[in-house]
Amino acid sequence: QVQLVESGGGLVQAGGSLRLSCAPSGRSASTYDMGWFRQAPGKEHEFVAAISWSGRTTAYENSVKGRFTISRDNAKSTVYLQMNSLKPEDTAVYYCAAEMVPSGSLARRIDDFDSWGQGTQVTVSS
């Protein structure tokens, strides 16, 4: 497993933007497929977005398509989640996850990921 560190969460008004960052501690993530999940109070973890190790392939949960963009900079070993047009229903703790041995198809399930960050809170006020 690898320790992942998220940053960039905070409080924003509806319609605003935030950018989350995720980087592994002490090693490169350039060969890992990476993903973002979120968990709202009283709800299960929900897939948000994923990106292949090369950055060529991405996937999104339907409710964030067109608003969120996942990207990566392998030179900086960092994955980003740009969140625009935020809505109150986007309020959640956002978690970064790594699939350390990519299967060849982009993962979306929690069980496909090996390592997780501690999470960063995103709160969108109406």
Foldseek 3Di string as FASTA:
>chain_A
DWEKAKDWADEEAAQAKIKMKIATPPDAQLQWKKFKWWDDPPGDIFGAKIAHSPRPDMDGDVVQPPFWDWGDDRVVSMIMIIGGRDDQVVWTWMKMFIQRHDPPDIDRDPVNTDYIYPTDTHGYHD
